[in-house]
Protein backbone atom coordinates (compact mmCIF):
# COMPACT_ATOMS: atom_id res chain seq x y z
CA MET A 1 -49.82 26.20 -26.74
CA SER A 2 -48.31 23.09 -27.76
CA THR A 3 -44.60 22.62 -28.23
CA GLY A 4 -44.73 19.06 -30.04
CA ALA A 5 -42.79 17.48 -27.31
CA ARG A 6 -43.73 13.99 -26.21
CA VAL A 7 -42.36 11.54 -23.74
CA HIS A 8 -41.92 8.02 -25.35
CA ASP A 9 -40.32 6.18 -22.64
CA ILE A 10 -40.06 6.71 -18.83
CA GLY A 11 -39.14 3.37 -17.71
CA TYR A 12 -35.59 1.90 -16.88
CA ARG A 13 -34.20 -0.87 -18.87
CA ALA A 14 -33.35 -4.05 -17.03
CA TYR A 15 -29.71 -5.22 -16.74
CA ASP A 16 -29.23 -8.31 -18.76
CA GLY A 17 -25.44 -8.79 -18.62
CA PRO A 18 -23.62 -11.37 -16.79
CA ARG A 19 -23.84 -11.32 -12.98
CA GLY A 20 -20.73 -11.88 -10.90
CA GLY A 21 -22.33 -12.32 -7.46
CA ARG A 22 -21.22 -10.82 -4.16
CA LEU A 23 -17.40 -11.40 -4.84
CA GLY A 24 -17.99 -9.92 -8.24
CA ALA A 25 -19.15 -6.63 -7.11
CA ILE A 26 -16.23 -6.55 -4.67
CA TRP A 27 -13.64 -7.08 -7.20
CA TRP A 28 -15.30 -4.66 -9.54
CA LEU A 29 -15.34 -1.90 -6.85
CA ALA A 30 -11.60 -2.73 -5.86
CA ARG A 31 -10.56 -2.61 -9.60
CA TRP A 32 -12.41 0.43 -10.42
CA SER A 33 -11.22 2.12 -7.28
CA ALA A 34 -7.70 1.09 -7.82
CA LEU A 35 -7.73 2.38 -11.56
CA ARG A 36 -9.50 5.62 -10.58
CA ALA A 37 -6.73 6.19 -7.69
CA LEU A 38 -4.05 5.48 -10.41
CA GLY A 39 -5.58 8.33 -12.85
CA ARG A 40 -7.72 6.51 -15.19
CA ARG A 41 -10.24 8.72 -16.83
CA ARG A 42 -8.31 11.78 -15.28
CA GLY A 43 -5.72 14.01 -16.59
CA TRP A 44 -2.22 13.29 -17.14
CA THR A 45 -1.11 15.12 -14.09
CA ALA A 46 -3.08 12.47 -11.98
CA LYS A 47 -1.32 9.68 -13.70
CA LEU A 48 2.09 11.44 -13.12
CA MET A 49 2.53 10.89 -9.43
CA PRO A 50 1.70 7.21 -9.17
CA ILE A 51 3.82 6.45 -12.36
CA SER A 52 6.80 8.44 -11.04
CA LEU A 53 6.59 7.00 -7.47
CA ALA A 54 6.50 3.42 -8.99
CA LEU A 55 9.48 4.17 -11.05
CA LEU A 56 11.43 5.51 -7.92
CA ALA A 57 10.55 2.34 -6.09
CA PHE A 58 12.14 0.22 -8.68
CA LEU A 59 15.22 2.51 -9.25
CA PRO A 60 17.35 1.19 -6.30
CA GLY A 61 17.06 -2.37 -7.43
CA MET A 62 17.28 -1.76 -11.14
CA GLY A 63 20.15 0.83 -10.48
CA LEU A 64 22.16 -1.85 -8.77
CA LEU A 65 21.52 -4.46 -11.25
CA ALA A 66 22.79 -2.15 -14.05
CA VAL A 67 25.90 -1.62 -12.29
CA ARG A 68 26.54 -5.03 -11.92
CA ALA A 69 25.84 -5.57 -15.58
CA LEU A 70 28.31 -3.05 -16.54
CA VAL A 71 31.22 -3.51 -14.08
CA ALA A 72 30.80 -7.39 -13.04
CA ASP A 73 33.31 -8.35 -15.67
CA GLN A 74 35.90 -6.21 -14.30
CA PHE A 75 36.12 -8.27 -11.01
CA ASP A 76 37.96 -11.53 -10.89
CA GLY A 77 35.38 -12.92 -8.44
CA GLU A 78 31.54 -12.29 -8.51
CA LEU A 79 30.37 -9.13 -7.39
CA PRO A 80 28.75 -9.20 -3.99
CA VAL A 81 25.06 -9.61 -4.18
CA ASP A 82 24.50 -8.35 -0.59
CA ILE A 83 25.16 -4.50 -1.42
CA LEU A 84 21.44 -3.99 -0.97
CA PRO A 85 19.96 -6.85 1.02
CA TYR A 86 16.40 -7.82 0.74
CA SER A 87 15.75 -7.03 4.19
CA ALA A 88 16.85 -3.38 3.93
CA TYR A 89 14.91 -2.65 0.55
CA PHE A 90 11.68 -2.04 2.32
CA GLY A 91 13.30 0.60 4.48
CA VAL A 92 14.93 2.27 1.44
CA ILE A 93 11.73 2.81 -0.13
CA THR A 94 9.62 3.81 3.02
CA VAL A 95 9.45 7.35 1.98
CA ILE A 96 7.93 6.29 -1.43
CA ILE A 97 5.42 4.14 0.07
CA LEU A 98 4.21 6.73 2.41
CA VAL A 99 3.83 9.44 -0.30
CA TRP A 100 2.10 6.71 -2.51
CA THR A 101 -0.39 5.96 0.22
CA ALA A 102 -0.96 9.64 1.12
CA GLY A 103 -1.84 9.97 -2.46
CA VAL A 104 -3.85 7.02 -3.21
CA ALA A 105 -5.76 6.15 -0.09
CA PRO A 106 -7.82 9.62 0.12
CA GLU A 107 -8.83 9.07 -3.60
CA MET A 108 -10.24 5.83 -2.63
CA VAL A 109 -12.92 7.02 -0.11
CA CYS A 110 -13.02 10.84 0.11
CA PRO A 111 -14.59 11.33 -3.30
CA ASP A 112 -17.60 9.12 -2.30
CA ARG A 113 -18.09 11.04 0.88
CA ARG A 114 -17.84 14.51 -0.79
CA ASP A 115 -20.18 13.56 -3.71
CA ARG A 116 -22.58 11.96 -1.18
CA VAL A 117 -22.69 8.70 -3.48
CA LEU A 118 -22.55 6.27 -0.58
CA SER A 119 -26.26 6.04 -0.44
CA LEU A 120 -26.37 4.97 -4.12
CA TYR A 121 -23.86 2.13 -3.38
CA PHE A 122 -25.87 0.99 -0.44
CA ALA A 123 -29.16 1.27 -2.09
CA THR A 124 -27.91 -1.64 -4.50
CA ALA A 125 -26.88 -5.04 -3.29
CA THR A 126 -23.61 -3.75 -2.02
CA SER A 127 -23.32 -3.58 1.78
CA PRO A 128 -21.21 -1.38 3.71
CA ARG A 129 -19.11 -4.19 4.71
CA GLU A 130 -18.61 -5.22 0.87
CA TYR A 131 -17.99 -1.57 0.14
CA LEU A 132 -15.23 -1.54 2.81
CA ALA A 133 -13.70 -4.81 1.55
CA GLY A 134 -13.71 -3.56 -2.07
CA LYS A 135 -11.93 -0.29 -1.03
CA VAL A 136 -9.40 -2.19 1.03
CA LEU A 137 -8.59 -4.46 -1.97
CA GLY A 138 -8.47 -1.62 -4.05
CA ALA A 139 -5.76 0.17 -2.08
CA LEU A 140 -3.96 -2.97 -1.24
CA LEU A 141 -3.23 -3.95 -4.90
CA PRO A 142 -1.41 -0.80 -6.05
CA LEU A 143 0.57 -0.78 -2.74
CA LEU A 144 1.77 -4.37 -3.65
CA VAL A 145 3.23 -3.04 -6.92
CA VAL A 146 5.56 -0.60 -4.88
CA THR A 147 6.43 -3.03 -2.07
CA VAL A 148 6.81 -6.59 -3.32
CA GLY A 149 7.53 -5.82 -7.04
CA PRO A 150 10.80 -4.02 -6.53
CA VAL A 151 12.23 -6.73 -4.22
CA LEU A 152 11.05 -9.23 -6.54
CA VAL A 153 12.91 -7.75 -9.47
CA LEU A 154 15.88 -7.39 -7.29
CA PHE A 155 15.91 -11.22 -6.29
CA GLY A 156 15.31 -11.99 -9.93
CA GLY A 157 18.29 -9.84 -11.18
CA ASN A 158 20.52 -11.32 -8.72
CA THR A 159 19.82 -14.88 -9.67
CA VAL A 160 20.56 -13.93 -13.37
CA PHE A 161 24.02 -12.13 -12.46
CA ALA A 162 24.75 -14.96 -9.98
CA GLU A 163 27.89 -17.24 -11.13
CA ASP A 164 25.60 -20.27 -10.86
CA ALA A 165 22.05 -19.22 -10.88
CA PHE A 166 20.51 -22.60 -10.06
CA SER A 167 22.73 -22.83 -7.02
CA TYR A 168 21.97 -19.18 -6.00
CA LEU A 169 17.97 -19.83 -6.38
CA GLY A 170 18.48 -22.90 -4.12
CA GLU A 171 20.39 -21.20 -1.48
CA GLN A 172 18.16 -18.14 -1.48
CA ALA A 173 14.92 -19.78 -2.13
CA ASP A 174 13.69 -19.27 1.57
CA GLN A 175 13.96 -15.53 0.91
CA LEU A 176 11.12 -15.42 -1.61
CA PRO A 177 8.29 -16.12 1.09
CA ARG A 178 9.90 -13.64 3.21
CA ILE A 179 9.69 -10.83 0.61
CA VAL A 180 6.11 -11.84 -0.32
CA ALA A 181 4.83 -11.91 3.05
CA GLY A 182 6.74 -9.02 4.34
CA GLY A 183 5.71 -6.78 1.37
CA ALA A 184 2.15 -7.79 1.51
CA LEU A 185 2.02 -7.08 5.42
CA ILE A 186 3.47 -3.67 4.89
CA SER A 187 0.97 -3.12 2.06
CA LEU A 188 -1.91 -4.14 4.32
CA TYR A 189 -0.64 -1.73 7.09
CA TYR A 190 -0.42 1.24 4.91
CA ALA A 191 -3.73 0.38 3.11
CA LEU A 192 -5.60 0.36 6.35
CA LEU A 193 -4.11 3.09 8.21
CA GLY A 194 -4.47 5.37 4.96
CA LEU A 195 -7.96 4.66 4.46
CA ALA A 196 -8.81 4.83 8.35
CA VAL A 197 -7.58 8.34 8.31
CA ALA A 198 -9.00 9.18 4.81
CA SER A 199 -12.36 8.00 6.23
CA LEU A 200 -12.60 10.71 8.86
CA THR A 201 -12.83 13.36 6.17
CA SER A 202 -14.31 14.35 2.77
CA ARG A 203 -11.48 16.25 1.65
CA ARG A 204 -8.41 14.67 -0.07
CA ALA A 205 -6.04 17.53 0.91
CA PHE A 206 -6.84 16.93 4.56
CA ALA A 207 -6.69 13.21 4.42
CA ALA A 208 -3.37 13.49 2.89
CA GLY A 209 -1.94 15.94 5.23
CA GLY A 210 -3.32 14.21 8.28
CA PHE A 211 -1.76 10.87 7.29
CA THR A 212 1.47 12.46 6.54
CA GLY A 213 1.47 14.57 9.97
CA LEU A 214 0.44 11.36 11.80
CA MET A 215 3.40 9.55 10.58
CA LEU A 216 6.00 12.42 11.25
CA LEU A 217 4.64 13.33 14.56
CA SER A 218 4.94 9.69 15.52
CA ALA A 219 8.57 9.53 14.63
CA PHE A 220 9.17 12.69 16.64
CA VAL A 221 7.42 11.22 19.83
CA ALA A 222 9.12 7.89 19.53
CA GLY A 223 12.68 9.44 19.09
CA SER A 224 11.96 11.89 22.03
CA LEU A 225 10.84 8.98 24.33
CA ALA A 226 13.65 6.42 23.28
CA PHE A 227 16.70 8.79 23.20
CA PRO A 228 16.35 12.26 25.26
CA LEU A 229 14.15 10.70 27.90
CA ASP A 230 16.15 7.48 27.94
CA LEU A 231 13.21 5.35 28.14
CA GLY A 232 14.35 2.37 26.10
CA GLU A 233 14.57 1.29 22.42
CA GLY A 234 11.37 -0.41 22.78
CA PHE A 235 9.70 3.13 22.18
CA LEU A 236 11.04 3.29 19.00
CA ALA A 237 8.34 0.88 18.00
CA LEU A 238 5.79 3.83 18.13
CA ASN A 239 7.38 5.39 15.25
CA LEU A 240 4.64 4.49 12.70
CA PHE A 241 6.72 5.75 9.80
CA THR A 242 9.62 3.21 10.11
CA LEU A 243 7.57 0.58 12.06
CA PRO A 244 6.53 -1.54 8.86
CA ALA A 245 10.28 -1.88 7.59
CA ASN A 246 11.40 -2.37 11.15
CA PHE A 247 8.69 -5.21 11.83
CA THR A 248 9.52 -7.03 8.40
CA ARG A 249 13.22 -6.77 8.99
CA HIS A 250 13.14 -8.24 12.48
CA VAL A 251 10.25 -10.70 12.14
CA PHE A 252 10.88 -12.11 8.63
CA PHE A 253 14.57 -11.51 7.98
CA GLY A 254 15.91 -12.16 11.81
CA ALA A 255 17.38 -8.80 12.51
CA ASP A 256 18.17 -8.55 16.20
CA ASP A 257 19.07 -4.74 16.76
CA MET A 258 15.70 -3.74 18.30
CA PRO A 259 13.34 -5.49 20.58
CA VAL A 260 10.99 -7.58 18.56
CA GLY A 261 7.81 -7.64 21.08
CA PRO A 262 7.25 -4.03 20.99
CA LEU A 263 7.48 -4.08 17.12
CA VAL A 264 4.80 -7.00 16.84
CA GLY A 265 2.46 -5.41 19.40
CA VAL A 266 2.39 -1.88 17.91
CA PHE A 267 2.15 -3.23 14.40
CA CYS A 268 -0.64 -5.59 14.99
CA GLY A 269 -2.17 -2.70 17.32
CA VAL A 270 -2.28 -0.35 14.23
CA ILE A 271 -3.97 -2.88 11.89
CA ALA A 272 -6.58 -3.69 14.62
CA LEU A 273 -7.25 0.02 15.25
CA SER A 274 -7.40 1.09 11.83
CA SER A 275 -9.86 -1.80 11.19
CA LEU A 276 -11.90 -0.86 13.91
CA VAL A 277 -12.09 2.90 12.55
CA LEU A 278 -13.07 1.60 8.97
CA LEU A 279 -15.84 -0.77 10.61
CA ILE A 280 -17.32 2.13 12.78
CA ARG A 281 -17.33 4.48 9.90
CA TYR A 282 -18.98 2.00 7.59
CA ARG A 283 -21.05 0.23 10.11
CA SER A 284 -24.27 0.99 8.34
CA PRO A 285 -25.90 2.48 5.18
CA ARG A 286 -26.34 5.71 7.28
CA SER A 287 -22.86 6.09 8.21
């Protein structure tokens, strides 16, 4: 019995659009991954967390600038600009950065493992290393918004409200590369560590919980070694939760209340170990 159904075309249409090359593929993957993690093509609840955290990251600086705008004219002299130093801002928003990473990093890699689509990526011209580069870049870009962005806004506001904006900008110009470099390294630290933990599981909840638990456990261990056991303040560098802010404060802004050597060693060690885990997890298409 005939149903009248016919197959008209069983072929595939070749792609005839612009080709961006290898770097274009990495950038596309990074852009799509970042937008997806921030809630694109998902419900409003998926967008609520990153938007709220970004606003919270900008809140300390914006609040301080608002106070200066409202009460500066009530002071005979200039209102102090060092109420919230640039070196301390990263420490103030450390919890926000941690929660941001715990929410964004698992979204970068866990769905691909859960849905078993890695083989589809690697069946194209995208290699495991290019896939990994795109995911790292995709995690890094949103993190820069909540690390470098708020401090730059504070710097710009302080310049505007200074008694002599040009003099302030000239005196504080050396702070700009410190802010950018410090924020970029903090973003790289969290991006690599968050992705390394997330690459070990296909469940986003497990990845977020594992990352948060690792940070809190390291804080407990570091505090126990440094104070109750009195083994020295250098062991505070093992606190992965406060390590990025302390590293930036000491290396880029010249703080001297902690030994610099352990901070640099542990910071570089975490980045190296996280990179190694990611390279092993994505060493070949079969992985």
